[in-house]
PDB file of all heavy atoms in Angstrom:
ATOM      1  N   ALA A   1     226.578 127.274  65.615  1.00  0.00           N
ATOM      2  CA  ALA A   1     227.652 126.309  65.393  1.00  0.00           C
ATOM      3  C   ALA A   1     229.021 126.964  65.179  1.00  0.00           C
ATOM      4  O   ALA A   1     230.045 126.453  65.548  1.00  0.00           O
ATOM      5  CB  ALA A   1     227.331 125.442  64.171  1.00  0.00           C
ATOM      6  N   ILE A   2     228.997 128.199  64.575  1.00  0.00           N
ATOM      7  CA  ILE A   2     230.273 128.851  64.350  1.00  0.00           C
ATOM      8  C   ILE A   2     230.607 129.920  65.383  1.00  0.00           C
ATOM      9  O   ILE A   2     231.545 130.687  65.195  1.00  0.00           O
ATOM     10  CB  ILE A   2     230.286 129.461  62.921  1.00  0.00           C
ATOM     11  CG1 ILE A   2     229.175 130.564  62.775  1.00  0.00           C
ATOM     12  CG2 ILE A   2     230.121 128.390  61.900  1.00  0.00           C
ATOM     13  CD1 ILE A   2     229.140 131.176  61.390  1.00  0.00           C
ATOM     14  N   GLY A   3     229.762 130.017  66.447  1.00  0.00           N
ATOM     15  CA  GLY A   3     230.113 130.873  67.558  1.00  0.00           C
ATOM     16  C   GLY A   3     229.681 132.320  67.374  1.00  0.00           C
ATOM     17  O   GLY A   3     230.176 133.152  68.055  1.00  0.00           O
ATOM     18  N   ILE A   4     228.671 132.512  66.491  1.00  0.00           N
ATOM     19  CA  ILE A   4     228.124 133.890  66.283  1.00  0.00           C
ATOM     20  C   ILE A   4     226.759 133.962  67.054  1.00  0.00           C
ATOM     21  O   ILE A   4     226.057 132.931  67.008  1.00  0.00           O
ATOM     22  CB  ILE A   4     227.975 134.185  64.814  1.00  0.00           C
ATOM     23  CG1 ILE A   4     229.295 134.183  64.111  1.00  0.00           C
ATOM     24  CG2 ILE A   4     227.279 135.555  64.631  1.00  0.00           C
ATOM     25  CD1 ILE A   4     229.185 134.391  62.620  1.00  0.00           C
ATOM     26  N   ASN A   5     226.486 135.097  67.663  1.00  0.00           N
ATOM     27  CA  ASN A   5     225.220 135.233  68.364  1.00  0.00           C
ATOM     28  C   ASN A   5     224.045 135.006  67.379  1.00  0.00           C
ATOM     29  O   ASN A   5     223.976 135.690  66.341  1.00  0.00           O
ATOM     30  CB  ASN A   5     225.093 136.607  68.966  1.00  0.00           C
ATOM     31  CG  ASN A   5     223.993 136.753  69.952  1.00  0.00           C
ATOM     32  OD1 ASN A   5     222.858 136.314  69.706  1.00  0.00           O
ATOM     33  ND2 ASN A   5     224.316 137.277  71.156  1.00  0.00           N
ATOM     34  N   PRO A   6     223.079 134.088  67.692  1.00  0.00           N
ATOM     35  CA  PRO A   6     221.951 133.832  66.797  1.00  0.00           C
ATOM     36  C   PRO A   6     221.090 135.036  66.543  1.00  0.00           C
ATOM     37  O   PRO A   6     220.235 134.995  65.680  1.00  0.00           O
ATOM     38  CB  PRO A   6     221.160 132.623  67.508  1.00  0.00           C
ATOM     39  CG  PRO A   6     222.162 132.041  68.391  1.00  0.00           C
ATOM     40  CD  PRO A   6     223.134 133.156  68.801  1.00  0.00           C
ATOM     41  N   ALA A   7     221.230 136.064  67.367  1.00  0.00           N
ATOM     42  CA  ALA A   7     220.428 137.262  67.203  1.00  0.00           C
ATOM     43  C   ALA A   7     220.651 137.834  65.781  1.00  0.00           C
ATOM     44  O   ALA A   7     219.760 138.473  65.212  1.00  0.00           O
ATOM     45  CB  ALA A   7     220.789 138.323  68.237  1.00  0.00           C
ATOM     46  N   TRP A   8     221.842 137.633  65.213  1.00  0.00           N
ATOM     47  CA  TRP A   8     222.106 138.153  63.861  1.00  0.00           C
ATOM     48  C   TRP A   8     221.209 137.450  62.838  1.00  0.00           C
ATOM     49  O   TRP A   8     220.787 138.039  61.830  1.00  0.00           O
ATOM     50  CB  TRP A   8     223.599 137.995  63.510  1.00  0.00           C
ATOM     51  CG  TRP A   8     224.462 138.910  64.373  1.00  0.00           C
ATOM     52  CD1 TRP A   8     225.320 138.513  65.369  1.00  0.00           C
ATOM     53  CD2 TRP A   8     224.571 140.327  64.258  1.00  0.00           C
ATOM     54  NE1 TRP A   8     225.902 139.651  65.896  1.00  0.00           N
ATOM     55  CE2 TRP A   8     225.479 140.758  65.276  1.00  0.00           C
ATOM     56  CE3 TRP A   8     224.003 141.266  63.409  1.00  0.00           C
ATOM     57  CZ2 TRP A   8     225.811 142.066  65.458  1.00  0.00           C
ATOM     58  CZ3 TRP A   8     224.316 142.610  63.614  1.00  0.00           C
ATOM     59  CH2 TRP A   8     225.223 143.009  64.590  1.00  0.00           C
ATOM     60  N   ALA A   9     220.983 136.158  63.019  1.00  0.00           N
ATOM     61  CA  ALA A   9     220.077 135.439  62.102  1.00  0.00           C
ATOM     62  C   ALA A   9     218.667 135.924  62.193  1.00  0.00           C
ATOM     63  O   ALA A   9     217.931 136.101  61.209  1.00  0.00           O
ATOM     64  CB  ALA A   9     220.153 133.929  62.419  1.00  0.00           C
ATOM     65  N   ALA A  10     218.207 136.200  63.466  1.00  0.00           N
ATOM     66  CA  ALA A  10     216.848 136.757  63.686  1.00  0.00           C
ATOM     67  C   ALA A  10     216.760 138.103  62.988  1.00  0.00           C
ATOM     68  O   ALA A  10     215.728 138.426  62.363  1.00  0.00           O
ATOM     69  CB  ALA A  10     216.559 136.846  65.151  1.00  0.00           C
ATOM     70  N   LEU A  11     217.818 138.926  63.163  1.00  0.00           N
ATOM     71  CA  LEU A  11     217.786 140.271  62.543  1.00  0.00           C
ATOM     72  C   LEU A  11     217.770 140.133  61.015  1.00  0.00           C
ATOM     73  O   LEU A  11     217.069 140.897  60.359  1.00  0.00           O
ATOM     74  CB  LEU A  11     219.064 141.017  62.976  1.00  0.00           C
ATOM     75  CG  LEU A  11     219.241 142.408  62.378  1.00  0.00           C
ATOM     76  CD1 LEU A  11     218.104 143.348  62.784  1.00  0.00           C
ATOM     77  CD2 LEU A  11     220.574 143.056  62.818  1.00  0.00           C
ATOM     78  N   ALA A  12     218.532 139.217  60.474  1.00  0.00           N
ATOM     79  CA  ALA A  12     218.467 139.019  58.999  1.00  0.00           C
ATOM     80  C   ALA A  12     217.117 138.661  58.482  1.00  0.00           C
ATOM     81  O   ALA A  12     216.644 139.200  57.504  1.00  0.00           O
ATOM     82  CB  ALA A  12     219.480 137.951  58.631  1.00  0.00           C
ATOM     83  N   GLY A  13     216.470 137.728  59.203  1.00  0.00           N
ATOM     84  CA  GLY A  13     215.049 137.349  58.807  1.00  0.00           C
ATOM     85  C   GLY A  13     214.142 138.494  58.867  1.00  0.00           C
ATOM     86  O   GLY A  13     213.288 138.762  57.968  1.00  0.00           O
ATOM     87  N   ALA A  14     214.223 139.287  59.966  1.00  0.00           N
ATOM     88  CA  ALA A  14     213.303 140.429  60.121  1.00  0.00           C
ATOM     89  C   ALA A  14     213.620 141.483  59.041  1.00  0.00           C
ATOM     90  O   ALA A  14     212.669 142.086  58.521  1.00  0.00           O
ATOM     91  CB  ALA A  14     213.534 141.075  61.526  1.00  0.00           C
ATOM     92  N   LEU A  15     214.864 141.712  58.724  1.00  0.00           N
ATOM     93  CA  LEU A  15     215.225 142.726  57.656  1.00  0.00           C
ATOM     94  C   LEU A  15     214.711 142.277  56.308  1.00  0.00           C
ATOM     95  O   LEU A  15     214.246 143.154  55.542  1.00  0.00           O
ATOM     96  CB  LEU A  15     216.724 142.942  57.623  1.00  0.00           C
ATOM     97  CG  LEU A  15     217.335 143.697  58.789  1.00  0.00           C
ATOM     98  CD1 LEU A  15     218.864 143.692  58.711  1.00  0.00           C
ATOM     99  CD2 LEU A  15     216.790 145.090  58.865  1.00  0.00           C
ATOM    100  N   VAL A  16     214.779 140.995  55.975  1.00  0.00           N
ATOM    101  CA  VAL A  16     214.244 140.514  54.665  1.00  0.00           C
ATOM    102  C   VAL A  16     212.736 140.786  54.564  1.00  0.00           C
ATOM    103  O   VAL A  16     212.289 141.344  53.552  1.00  0.00           O
ATOM    104  CB  VAL A  16     214.596 139.041  54.513  1.00  0.00           C
ATOM    105  CG1 VAL A  16     213.836 138.463  53.306  1.00  0.00           C
ATOM    106  CG2 VAL A  16     216.077 138.827  54.300  1.00  0.00           C
ATOM    107  N   LEU A  17     212.005 140.399  55.579  1.00  0.00           N
ATOM    108  CA  LEU A  17     210.595 140.604  55.488  1.00  0.00           C
ATOM    109  C   LEU A  17     210.224 142.084  55.581  1.00  0.00           C
ATOM    110  O   LEU A  17     209.261 142.549  54.932  1.00  0.00           O
ATOM    111  CB  LEU A  17     209.900 139.852  56.673  1.00  0.00           C
ATOM    112  CG  LEU A  17     209.742 138.338  56.484  1.00  0.00           C
ATOM    113  CD1 LEU A  17     208.976 137.731  57.671  1.00  0.00           C
ATOM    114  CD2 LEU A  17     209.041 137.957  55.223  1.00  0.00           C
ATOM    115  N   ALA A  18     210.969 142.864  56.361  1.00  0.00           N
ATOM    116  CA  ALA A  18     210.734 144.296  56.443  1.00  0.00           C
ATOM    117  C   ALA A  18     210.979 144.995  55.081  1.00  0.00           C
ATOM    118  O   ALA A  18     210.198 145.809  54.666  1.00  0.00           O
ATOM    119  CB  ALA A  18     211.607 144.896  57.529  1.00  0.00           C
ATOM    120  N   ALA A  19     212.068 144.613  54.419  1.00  0.00           N
ATOM    121  CA  ALA A  19     212.342 145.235  53.148  1.00  0.00           C
ATOM    122  C   ALA A  19     211.239 144.898  52.111  1.00  0.00           C
ATOM    123  O   ALA A  19     210.808 145.819  51.373  1.00  0.00           O
ATOM    124  CB  ALA A  19     213.690 144.673  52.651  1.00  0.00           C
ATOM    125  N   ARG A  20     210.763 143.690  52.148  1.00  0.00           N
ATOM    126  CA  ARG A  20     209.679 143.287  51.227  1.00  0.00           C
ATOM    127  C   ARG A  20     208.389 144.100  51.538  1.00  0.00           C
ATOM    128  O   ARG A  20     207.720 144.601  50.661  1.00  0.00           O
ATOM    129  CB  ARG A  20     209.427 141.807  51.338  1.00  0.00           C
ATOM    130  CG  ARG A  20     208.199 141.320  50.569  1.00  0.00           C
ATOM    131  CD  ARG A  20     208.027 139.796  50.821  1.00  0.00           C
ATOM    132  NE  ARG A  20     206.758 139.350  50.437  1.00  0.00           N
ATOM    133  CZ  ARG A  20     206.467 138.812  49.225  1.00  0.00           C
ATOM    134  NH1 ARG A  20     207.369 138.855  48.257  1.00  0.00           N
ATOM    135  NH2 ARG A  20     205.245 138.382  48.927  1.00  0.00           N
ATOM    136  N   ALA A  21     208.058 144.186  52.854  1.00  0.00           N
ATOM    137  CA  ALA A  21     206.827 144.849  53.231  1.00  0.00           C
ATOM    138  C   ALA A  21     206.942 146.363  52.906  1.00  0.00           C
ATOM    139  O   ALA A  21     205.905 147.015  52.498  1.00  0.00           O
ATOM    140  CB  ALA A  21     206.584 144.663  54.716  1.00  0.00           C
ATOM    141  N   LEU A  22     208.050 146.961  53.120  1.00  0.00           N
ATOM    142  CA  LEU A  22     208.220 148.362  52.811  1.00  0.00           C
ATOM    143  C   LEU A  22     208.188 148.650  51.317  1.00  0.00           C
ATOM    144  O   LEU A  22     207.568 149.605  50.832  1.00  0.00           O
ATOM    145  CB  LEU A  22     209.611 148.874  53.341  1.00  0.00           C
ATOM    146  CG  LEU A  22     209.715 148.979  54.889  1.00  0.00           C
ATOM    147  CD1 LEU A  22     211.103 149.279  55.294  1.00  0.00           C
ATOM    148  CD2 LEU A  22     208.739 150.169  55.401  1.00  0.00           C
ATOM    149  N   ALA A  23     208.800 147.741  50.585  1.00  0.00           N
ATOM    150  CA  ALA A  23     208.770 147.889  49.096  1.00  0.00           C
ATOM    151  C   ALA A  23     207.298 147.785  48.574  1.00  0.00           C
ATOM    152  O   ALA A  23     206.944 148.482  47.596  1.00  0.00           O
ATOM    153  CB  ALA A  23     209.680 146.812  48.439  1.00  0.00           C
ATOM    154  N   GLN A  24     206.506 146.944  49.140  1.00  0.00           N
ATOM    155  CA  GLN A  24     205.140 146.799  48.719  1.00  0.00           C
ATOM    156  C   GLN A  24     204.170 147.721  49.437  1.00  0.00           C
ATOM    157  O   GLN A  24     202.968 147.648  49.256  1.00  0.00           O
ATOM    158  CB  GLN A  24     204.690 145.325  48.992  1.00  0.00           C
ATOM    159  CG  GLN A  24     205.469 144.271  48.187  1.00  0.00           C
ATOM    160  CD  GLN A  24     205.071 142.870  48.475  1.00  0.00           C
ATOM    161  OE1 GLN A  24     204.289 142.609  49.418  1.00  0.00           O
ATOM    162  NE2 GLN A  24     205.419 141.963  47.598  1.00  0.00           N
ATOM    163  N   ARG A  25     204.699 148.638  50.245  1.00  0.00           N
ATOM    164  CA  ARG A  25     203.935 149.621  50.964  1.00  0.00           C
ATOM    165  C   ARG A  25     202.889 148.993  51.860  1.00  0.00           C
ATOM    166  O   ARG A  25     201.791 149.523  52.008  1.00  0.00           O
ATOM    167  CB  ARG A  25     203.300 150.606  49.967  1.00  0.00           C
ATOM    168  CG  ARG A  25     204.340 151.358  49.124  1.00  0.00           C
ATOM    169  CD  ARG A  25     203.657 152.358  48.205  1.00  0.00           C
ATOM    170  NE  ARG A  25     204.595 153.011  47.351  1.00  0.00           N
ATOM    171  CZ  ARG A  25     205.327 154.103  47.710  1.00  0.00           C
ATOM    172  NH1 ARG A  25     205.177 154.578  48.962  1.00  0.00           N
ATOM    173  NH2 ARG A  25     206.152 154.682  46.879  1.00  0.00           N
ATOM    174  N   ARG A  26     203.163 147.862  52.498  1.00  0.00           N
ATOM    175  CA  ARG A  26     202.261 147.238  53.415  1.00  0.00           C
ATOM    176  C   ARG A  26     202.554 147.528  54.848  1.00  0.00           C
ATOM    177  O   ARG A  26     201.873 147.090  55.763  1.00  0.00           O
ATOM    178  CB  ARG A  26     202.262 145.671  53.228  1.00  0.00           C
ATOM    179  CG  ARG A  26     201.545 145.239  51.924  1.00  0.00           C
ATOM    180  CD  ARG A  26     201.470 143.711  51.854  1.00  0.00           C
ATOM    181  NE  ARG A  26     202.777 143.081  51.568  1.00  0.00           N
ATOM    182  CZ  ARG A  26     203.470 142.497  52.583  1.00  0.00           C
ATOM    183  NH1 ARG A  26     203.034 142.497  53.795  1.00  0.00           N
ATOM    184  NH2 ARG A  26     204.662 141.946  52.278  1.00  0.00           N
ATOM    185  N   THR A  27     203.664 148.303  55.099  1.00  0.00           N
ATOM    186  CA  THR A  27     203.981 148.717  56.426  1.00  0.00           C
ATOM    187  C   THR A  27     204.837 149.951  56.353  1.00  0.00           C
ATOM    188  O   THR A  27     205.142 150.487  55.243  1.00  0.00           O
ATOM    189  CB  THR A  27     204.810 147.566  57.134  1.00  0.00           C
ATOM    190  OG1 THR A  27     204.888 147.921  58.547  1.00  0.00           O
ATOM    191  CG2 THR A  27     206.147 147.454  56.554  1.00  0.00           C
ATOM    192  N   THR A  28     205.143 150.520  57.496  1.00  0.00           N
ATOM    193  CA  THR A  28     205.934 151.685  57.552  1.00  0.00           C
ATOM    194  C   THR A  28     207.079 151.485  58.544  1.00  0.00           C
ATOM    195  O   THR A  28     206.995 150.624  59.401  1.00  0.00           O
ATOM    196  CB  THR A  28     205.098 152.891  58.035  1.00  0.00           C
ATOM    197  OG1 THR A  28     204.612 152.641  59.374  1.00  0.00           O
ATOM    198  CG2 THR A  28     203.886 153.111  57.143  1.00  0.00           C
ATOM    199  N   PRO A  29     208.134 152.341  58.474  1.00  0.00           N
ATOM    200  CA  PRO A  29     209.214 152.221  59.481  1.00  0.00           C
ATOM    201  C   PRO A  29     208.670 152.340  60.921  1.00  0.00           C
ATOM    202  O   PRO A  29     209.165 151.676  61.799  1.00  0.00           O
ATOM    203  CB  PRO A  29     210.148 153.318  59.128  1.00  0.00           C
ATOM    204  CG  PRO A  29     209.930 153.555  57.640  1.00  0.00           C
ATOM    205  CD  PRO A  29     208.454 153.282  57.402  1.00  0.00           C
ATOM    206  N   THR A  30     207.714 153.258  61.110  1.00  0.00           N
ATOM    207  CA  THR A  30     207.137 153.457  62.442  1.00  0.00           C
ATOM    208  C   THR A  30     206.456 152.203  62.914  1.00  0.00           C
ATOM    209  O   THR A  30     206.636 151.787  64.118  1.00  0.00           O
ATOM    210  CB  THR A  30     206.128 154.598  62.409  1.00  0.00           C
ATOM    211  OG1 THR A  30     206.764 155.774  61.980  1.00  0.00           O
ATOM    212  CG2 THR A  30     205.560 154.841  63.831  1.00  0.00           C
ATOM    213  N   ALA A  31     205.761 151.467  62.082  1.00  0.00           N
ATOM    214  CA  ALA A  31     205.056 150.226  62.443  1.00  0.00           C
ATOM    215  C   ALA A  31     206.066 149.144  62.766  1.00  0.00           C
ATOM    216  O   ALA A  31     205.879 148.417  63.677  1.00  0.00           O
ATOM    217  CB  ALA A  31     204.127 149.835  61.322  1.00  0.00           C
ATOM    218  N   ILE A  32     207.174 149.128  62.047  1.00  0.00           N
ATOM    219  CA  ILE A  32     208.187 148.152  62.289  1.00  0.00           C
ATOM    220  C   ILE A  32     208.842 148.337  63.674  1.00  0.00           C
ATOM    221  O   ILE A  32     209.054 147.442  64.499  1.00  0.00           O
ATOM    222  CB  ILE A  32     209.253 148.111  61.227  1.00  0.00           C
ATOM    223  CG1 ILE A  32     208.660 147.628  59.914  1.00  0.00           C
ATOM    224  CG2 ILE A  32     210.474 147.239  61.574  1.00  0.00           C
ATOM    225  CD1 ILE A  32     209.550 147.748  58.687  1.00  0.00           C
TER     226      ILE A  32
END
């Protein structure tokens, strides 16, 4: 709606889940 590429929203969602998974040691940067 505000003219920004929606890819940034997808990236934000992925970063939130990635940060949680890394903090809980359920994944690794390589796996991401």
